[in-house]
Structure formats: structure tokens, C-alpha cells
Amino acid sequence: MDKKLIEELKEKLELQKKSIQEELESFANQDPNLKNNWDTRYPNREDSDKDEKADDVQEYDNALSLEYSLELKLKDVNMALEKISQGKYGVCENCGKEIGEERLLACPEAKTCLKCEN
């Protein structure tokens, strides 16, 4: 794969990583004991009534789902960056063939080629 393309994709991945981390930081704390794990903060409002407490529970539940989704995305981005550093980037995890340039441009953290994805 072209070194210029890999550098472009690496930059894209680094920006994605930063964006995901910033979004996670807006409602969660990074777990100091578990690498790449985040803990959603509970929206604990003082002097709230039953309706507000129910809203807090719903808000927390929604944030937990988002946290999980973002953690998975961040894991994939970090894995792609690791593969770049090891010189193993752009190879399908299923068939071992090169992942197409168009797919990587659309989804730089892709683990599989389009054929194996479907």
C-alpha cells in the first residue's frame, strides 16, 4: 500500500480518536484501572423530584449505550493505528487479502475487505 495513503489514513484515524475521546469525556470518566474503558457519570442532581429522577435514569441509560458504542469504535481505531505502526495495516482479518483503498478511505478502521464484510 502507498505510504502517502497510509499517512493520510493515519491522520484521519488520529482525528477520529481525538473526536471520540472528547465525546466520551463530555459524559464519562476514563477508568484508571482498565485500559480503554470509560465509566458514564450519573447525572446526580440535588433536590430533584420523582420525574427528574426518572429523567436522570433515562439519561444515564442512554449515555451507557452511547459509551459502549464509542468504546467499540475507539477500540477499532486504536487497533488500526497499532496495525499501521506494525506494518500490518490494510489486510483483511478473514481472507488475508488487501482491503480496498476506497473502503479504507470511507472507513479507515475497517478490519475486513468488502467481500468478507458481506
N, C-alpha and C. Protein backbone atom coordinates (compact mmCIF):
# COMPACT_ATOMS: atom_id res chain seq x y z
N MET A 1 0.84 -1.18 0.00
CA MET A 1 0.00 0.00 0.00
C MET A 1 0.89 1.25 0.00
N ASP A 2 0.45 2.26 -0.67
CA ASP A 2 1.16 3.52 -0.82
C ASP A 2 1.38 4.20 0.54
N LYS A 3 2.63 4.59 0.81
CA LYS A 3 2.96 5.23 2.10
C LYS A 3 2.20 6.53 2.30
N LYS A 4 2.01 7.29 1.22
CA LYS A 4 1.27 8.56 1.32
C LYS A 4 -0.17 8.30 1.76
N LEU A 5 -0.79 7.25 1.21
CA LEU A 5 -2.15 6.89 1.59
C LEU A 5 -2.20 6.46 3.05
N ILE A 6 -1.24 5.68 3.47
CA ILE A 6 -1.21 5.23 4.87
C ILE A 6 -1.09 6.42 5.81
N GLU A 7 -0.25 7.39 5.47
CA GLU A 7 -0.11 8.59 6.31
C GLU A 7 -1.41 9.38 6.36
N GLU A 8 -2.09 9.47 5.22
CA GLU A 8 -3.38 10.17 5.16
C GLU A 8 -4.41 9.47 6.05
N LEU A 9 -4.44 8.15 5.97
CA LEU A 9 -5.38 7.38 6.78
C LEU A 9 -5.02 7.43 8.26
N LYS A 10 -3.73 7.45 8.55
CA LYS A 10 -3.29 7.57 9.94
C LYS A 10 -3.76 8.89 10.54
N GLU A 11 -3.62 9.97 9.78
CA GLU A 11 -4.11 11.28 10.24
C GLU A 11 -5.61 11.25 10.49
N LYS A 12 -6.32 10.63 9.57
CA LYS A 12 -7.77 10.51 9.71
C LYS A 12 -8.14 9.73 10.97
N LEU A 13 -7.41 8.64 11.22
CA LEU A 13 -7.65 7.83 12.42
C LEU A 13 -7.33 8.60 13.69
N GLU A 14 -6.24 9.36 13.68
CA GLU A 14 -5.87 10.16 14.86
C GLU A 14 -6.96 11.21 15.16
N LEU A 15 -7.51 11.82 14.12
CA LEU A 15 -8.59 12.79 14.31
C LEU A 15 -9.84 12.11 14.86
N GLN A 16 -10.15 10.93 14.34
CA GLN A 16 -11.29 10.16 14.84
C GLN A 16 -11.10 9.83 16.31
N LYS A 17 -9.91 9.39 16.65
CA LYS A 17 -9.59 9.03 18.04
C LYS A 17 -9.80 10.22 18.96
N LYS A 18 -9.29 11.35 18.57
CA LYS A 18 -9.43 12.56 19.38
C LYS A 18 -10.90 12.94 19.54
N SER A 19 -11.64 12.87 18.46
CA SER A 19 -13.07 13.21 18.48
C SER A 19 -13.86 12.28 19.39
N ILE A 20 -13.59 10.99 19.30
CA ILE A 20 -14.29 10.01 20.14
C ILE A 20 -13.95 10.23 21.60
N GLN A 21 -12.67 10.46 21.90
CA GLN A 21 -12.27 10.69 23.28
C GLN A 21 -12.92 11.96 23.85
N GLU A 22 -12.99 13.01 23.04
CA GLU A 22 -13.63 14.24 23.50
C GLU A 22 -15.11 14.02 23.78
N GLU A 23 -15.77 13.25 22.92
CA GLU A 23 -17.18 12.97 23.15
C GLU A 23 -17.36 12.15 24.42
N LEU A 24 -16.52 11.15 24.63
CA LEU A 24 -16.61 10.35 25.85
C LEU A 24 -16.36 11.21 27.09
N GLU A 25 -15.38 12.09 27.02
CA GLU A 25 -15.06 12.96 28.16
C GLU A 25 -16.22 13.87 28.55
N SER A 26 -17.13 14.12 27.61
CA SER A 26 -18.26 15.02 27.90
C SER A 26 -19.28 14.39 28.85
N PHE A 27 -19.27 13.05 28.98
CA PHE A 27 -20.25 12.43 29.88
C PHE A 27 -19.70 11.23 30.66
N ALA A 28 -18.41 10.94 30.49
CA ALA A 28 -17.83 9.77 31.17
C ALA A 28 -16.41 10.07 31.62
N ASN A 29 -15.94 9.25 32.56
CA ASN A 29 -14.57 9.35 33.04
C ASN A 29 -13.80 8.11 32.60
N GLN A 30 -12.54 8.30 32.24
CA GLN A 30 -11.72 7.15 31.86
C GLN A 30 -11.40 6.35 33.12
N ASP A 31 -11.58 5.06 33.02
CA ASP A 31 -11.32 4.16 34.14
C ASP A 31 -9.81 4.03 34.33
N PRO A 32 -9.28 4.41 35.50
CA PRO A 32 -7.83 4.33 35.71
C PRO A 32 -7.31 2.90 35.84
N ASN A 33 -8.22 1.96 36.10
CA ASN A 33 -7.80 0.57 36.32
C ASN A 33 -7.89 -0.31 35.07
N LEU A 34 -8.73 0.08 34.12
CA LEU A 34 -8.92 -0.72 32.91
C LEU A 34 -8.62 0.13 31.69
N LYS A 35 -7.65 -0.33 30.92
CA LYS A 35 -7.27 0.40 29.71
C LYS A 35 -8.44 0.43 28.72
N ASN A 36 -8.63 1.58 28.11
CA ASN A 36 -9.68 1.78 27.10
C ASN A 36 -11.09 1.56 27.62
N ASN A 37 -11.29 1.76 28.92
CA ASN A 37 -12.62 1.62 29.50
C ASN A 37 -13.05 2.96 30.08
N TRP A 38 -14.30 3.29 29.87
CA TRP A 38 -14.86 4.54 30.35
C TRP A 38 -16.05 4.24 31.25
N ASP A 39 -16.31 5.12 32.21
CA ASP A 39 -17.43 4.98 33.13
C ASP A 39 -18.33 6.20 33.01
N THR A 40 -19.56 5.97 32.60
CA THR A 40 -20.52 7.05 32.44
C THR A 40 -20.83 7.66 33.80
N ARG A 41 -20.82 8.99 33.83
CA ARG A 41 -21.18 9.70 35.07
C ARG A 41 -22.70 9.74 35.21
N TYR A 42 -23.18 9.44 36.40
CA TYR A 42 -24.62 9.51 36.65
C TYR A 42 -25.00 10.97 36.86
N PRO A 43 -26.06 11.43 36.18
CA PRO A 43 -26.47 12.83 36.33
C PRO A 43 -27.17 13.06 37.65
N ASN A 44 -26.41 13.16 38.69
CA ASN A 44 -26.93 13.24 40.05
C ASN A 44 -27.27 14.69 40.40
N ARG A 45 -28.54 15.03 40.26
CA ARG A 45 -28.99 16.39 40.58
C ARG A 45 -29.53 16.43 42.00
N GLU A 46 -29.13 17.44 42.70
CA GLU A 46 -29.62 17.62 44.07
C GLU A 46 -31.06 18.12 44.06
N ASP A 47 -31.83 17.78 45.09
CA ASP A 47 -33.19 18.27 45.27
C ASP A 47 -34.07 18.06 44.04
N SER A 48 -34.02 16.89 43.46
CA SER A 48 -34.87 16.62 42.29
C SER A 48 -36.09 15.81 42.72
N ASP A 49 -37.18 16.02 41.98
CA ASP A 49 -38.40 15.28 42.30
C ASP A 49 -38.40 13.95 41.55
N LYS A 50 -39.49 13.19 41.69
CA LYS A 50 -39.56 11.86 41.09
C LYS A 50 -39.41 11.91 39.57
N ASP A 51 -40.06 12.87 38.93
CA ASP A 51 -39.98 12.97 37.48
C ASP A 51 -38.55 13.26 37.02
N GLU A 52 -37.88 14.15 37.73
CA GLU A 52 -36.49 14.46 37.38
C GLU A 52 -35.57 13.27 37.61
N LYS A 53 -35.84 12.51 38.67
CA LYS A 53 -35.04 11.32 38.95
C LYS A 53 -35.26 10.27 37.85
N ALA A 54 -36.49 10.14 37.38
CA ALA A 54 -36.77 9.22 36.28
C ALA A 54 -36.06 9.68 35.02
N ASP A 55 -36.03 10.99 34.79
CA ASP A 55 -35.30 11.53 33.64
C ASP A 55 -33.81 11.24 33.77
N ASP A 56 -33.29 11.34 34.99
CA ASP A 56 -31.87 11.06 35.23
C ASP A 56 -31.54 9.61 34.87
N VAL A 57 -32.41 8.69 35.27
CA VAL A 57 -32.20 7.28 34.98
C VAL A 57 -32.21 7.05 33.46
N GLN A 58 -33.17 7.67 32.77
CA GLN A 58 -33.24 7.52 31.31
C GLN A 58 -32.01 8.13 30.64
N GLU A 59 -31.60 9.29 31.10
CA GLU A 59 -30.41 9.95 30.55
C GLU A 59 -29.17 9.08 30.76
N TYR A 60 -29.05 8.50 31.94
CA TYR A 60 -27.92 7.64 32.25
C TYR A 60 -27.93 6.39 31.37
N ASP A 61 -29.10 5.80 31.21
CA ASP A 61 -29.23 4.62 30.36
C ASP A 61 -28.83 4.91 28.92
N ASN A 62 -29.26 6.05 28.41
CA ASN A 62 -28.88 6.45 27.04
C ASN A 62 -27.37 6.67 26.94
N ALA A 63 -26.80 7.29 27.96
CA ALA A 63 -25.36 7.57 27.96
C ALA A 63 -24.55 6.26 28.02
N LEU A 64 -25.06 5.28 28.75
CA LEU A 64 -24.37 3.98 28.82
C LEU A 64 -24.30 3.32 27.45
N SER A 65 -25.40 3.38 26.72
CA SER A 65 -25.42 2.81 25.36
C SER A 65 -24.44 3.53 24.45
N LEU A 66 -24.43 4.84 24.54
CA LEU A 66 -23.51 5.63 23.73
C LEU A 66 -22.07 5.35 24.12
N GLU A 67 -21.82 5.24 25.42
CA GLU A 67 -20.46 4.93 25.89
C GLU A 67 -19.97 3.61 25.29
N TYR A 68 -20.81 2.60 25.33
CA TYR A 68 -20.43 1.28 24.81
C TYR A 68 -20.11 1.37 23.32
N SER A 69 -20.95 2.04 22.59
CA SER A 69 -20.75 2.20 21.15
C SER A 69 -19.45 2.94 20.84
N LEU A 70 -19.20 4.02 21.56
CA LEU A 70 -17.98 4.80 21.35
C LEU A 70 -16.73 4.03 21.77
N GLU A 71 -16.84 3.25 22.84
CA GLU A 71 -15.69 2.42 23.26
C GLU A 71 -15.32 1.42 22.18
N LEU A 72 -16.32 0.80 21.57
CA LEU A 72 -16.04 -0.16 20.49
C LEU A 72 -15.39 0.53 19.29
N LYS A 73 -15.91 1.70 18.94
CA LYS A 73 -15.34 2.45 17.82
C LYS A 73 -13.90 2.85 18.13
N LEU A 74 -13.67 3.32 19.36
CA LEU A 74 -12.32 3.72 19.77
C LEU A 74 -11.37 2.51 19.75
N LYS A 75 -11.86 1.36 20.16
CA LYS A 75 -11.05 0.14 20.13
C LYS A 75 -10.62 -0.18 18.69
N ASP A 76 -11.56 -0.06 17.75
CA ASP A 76 -11.25 -0.33 16.35
C ASP A 76 -10.24 0.67 15.80
N VAL A 77 -10.41 1.94 16.16
CA VAL A 77 -9.48 2.98 15.71
C VAL A 77 -8.09 2.72 16.28
N ASN A 78 -8.01 2.41 17.56
CA ASN A 78 -6.72 2.11 18.19
C ASN A 78 -6.06 0.88 17.57
N MET A 79 -6.86 -0.13 17.24
CA MET A 79 -6.33 -1.33 16.61
C MET A 79 -5.75 -0.99 15.23
N ALA A 80 -6.47 -0.16 14.47
CA ALA A 80 -5.97 0.24 13.14
C ALA A 80 -4.66 1.01 13.27
N LEU A 81 -4.57 1.92 14.23
CA LEU A 81 -3.34 2.67 14.45
C LEU A 81 -2.19 1.74 14.85
N GLU A 82 -2.49 0.74 15.64
CA GLU A 82 -1.48 -0.25 16.05
C GLU A 82 -0.99 -1.04 14.83
N LYS A 83 -1.94 -1.42 13.97
CA LYS A 83 -1.57 -2.16 12.76
C LYS A 83 -0.68 -1.31 11.85
N ILE A 84 -0.96 -0.01 11.78
CA ILE A 84 -0.12 0.88 10.98
C ILE A 84 1.30 0.86 11.53
N SER A 85 1.43 0.98 12.85
CA SER A 85 2.76 1.02 13.46
C SER A 85 3.51 -0.31 13.29
N GLN A 86 2.77 -1.41 13.15
CA GLN A 86 3.39 -2.73 12.97
C GLN A 86 3.58 -3.10 11.50
N GLY A 87 3.08 -2.23 10.60
CA GLY A 87 3.19 -2.53 9.17
C GLY A 87 2.21 -3.59 8.69
N LYS A 88 1.12 -3.79 9.43
CA LYS A 88 0.13 -4.82 9.09
C LYS A 88 -1.22 -4.23 8.70
N TYR A 89 -1.24 -2.94 8.44
CA TYR A 89 -2.50 -2.24 8.16
C TYR A 89 -3.02 -2.54 6.76
N GLY A 90 -4.34 -2.60 6.63
CA GLY A 90 -4.97 -2.74 5.33
C GLY A 90 -5.11 -4.17 4.84
N VAL A 91 -4.94 -5.14 5.73
CA VAL A 91 -5.07 -6.54 5.37
C VAL A 91 -6.32 -7.10 6.04
N CYS A 92 -7.15 -7.76 5.26
CA CYS A 92 -8.40 -8.34 5.76
C CYS A 92 -8.11 -9.41 6.82
N GLU A 93 -8.80 -9.32 7.94
CA GLU A 93 -8.61 -10.28 9.03
C GLU A 93 -9.19 -11.65 8.69
N ASN A 94 -10.09 -11.72 7.71
CA ASN A 94 -10.70 -13.01 7.35
C ASN A 94 -9.93 -13.73 6.25
N CYS A 95 -9.73 -13.06 5.13
CA CYS A 95 -9.15 -13.75 3.97
C CYS A 95 -7.66 -13.44 3.75
N GLY A 96 -7.15 -12.42 4.43
CA GLY A 96 -5.74 -12.08 4.31
C GLY A 96 -5.38 -11.25 3.09
N LYS A 97 -6.40 -10.90 2.30
CA LYS A 97 -6.15 -10.07 1.12
C LYS A 97 -6.16 -8.60 1.52
N GLU A 98 -5.62 -7.77 0.64
CA GLU A 98 -5.58 -6.34 0.90
C GLU A 98 -6.98 -5.74 0.88
N ILE A 99 -7.27 -4.88 1.84
CA ILE A 99 -8.55 -4.17 1.88
C ILE A 99 -8.47 -3.04 0.85
N GLY A 100 -9.51 -2.88 0.07
CA GLY A 100 -9.53 -1.88 -0.98
C GLY A 100 -9.34 -0.46 -0.47
N GLU A 101 -8.66 0.34 -1.27
CA GLU A 101 -8.38 1.73 -0.93
C GLU A 101 -9.66 2.52 -0.68
N GLU A 102 -10.67 2.30 -1.52
CA GLU A 102 -11.94 3.03 -1.36
C GLU A 102 -12.58 2.71 -0.02
N ARG A 103 -12.53 1.45 0.38
CA ARG A 103 -13.11 1.06 1.68
C ARG A 103 -12.35 1.71 2.82
N LEU A 104 -11.03 1.72 2.74
CA LEU A 104 -10.24 2.33 3.81
C LEU A 104 -10.45 3.83 3.88
N LEU A 105 -10.62 4.47 2.74
CA LEU A 105 -10.89 5.91 2.74
C LEU A 105 -12.24 6.21 3.39
N ALA A 106 -13.21 5.34 3.16
CA ALA A 106 -14.54 5.52 3.75
C ALA A 106 -14.57 5.11 5.22
N CYS A 107 -13.81 4.10 5.55
CA CYS A 107 -13.82 3.55 6.91
C CYS A 107 -12.40 3.08 7.25
N PRO A 108 -11.53 4.01 7.67
CA PRO A 108 -10.12 3.66 7.88
C PRO A 108 -9.88 2.62 8.97
N GLU A 109 -10.85 2.38 9.83
CA GLU A 109 -10.67 1.38 10.88
C GLU A 109 -11.19 0.00 10.46
N ALA A 110 -11.56 -0.14 9.18
CA ALA A 110 -12.10 -1.41 8.67
C ALA A 110 -11.13 -2.56 8.93
N LYS A 111 -11.70 -3.70 9.35
CA LYS A 111 -10.90 -4.88 9.64
C LYS A 111 -10.96 -5.91 8.52
N THR A 112 -12.00 -5.77 7.69
CA THR A 112 -12.21 -6.76 6.64
C THR A 112 -12.44 -6.08 5.29
N CYS A 113 -12.20 -6.84 4.22
CA CYS A 113 -12.49 -6.34 2.89
C CYS A 113 -14.00 -6.36 2.67
N LEU A 114 -14.46 -5.74 1.61
CA LEU A 114 -15.90 -5.70 1.33
C LEU A 114 -16.47 -7.09 1.11
N LYS A 115 -15.73 -7.95 0.44
CA LYS A 115 -16.21 -9.31 0.16
C LYS A 115 -16.48 -10.06 1.46
N CYS A 116 -15.57 -9.95 2.41
CA CYS A 116 -15.74 -10.66 3.69
C CYS A 116 -16.75 -9.96 4.60
N GLU A 117 -16.95 -8.67 4.41
CA GLU A 117 -17.91 -7.92 5.23
C GLU A 117 -19.33 -8.38 4.96
N ASN A 118 -19.59 -8.75 3.72
CA ASN A 118 -20.96 -9.14 3.33
C ASN A 118 -21.23 -10.58 3.51
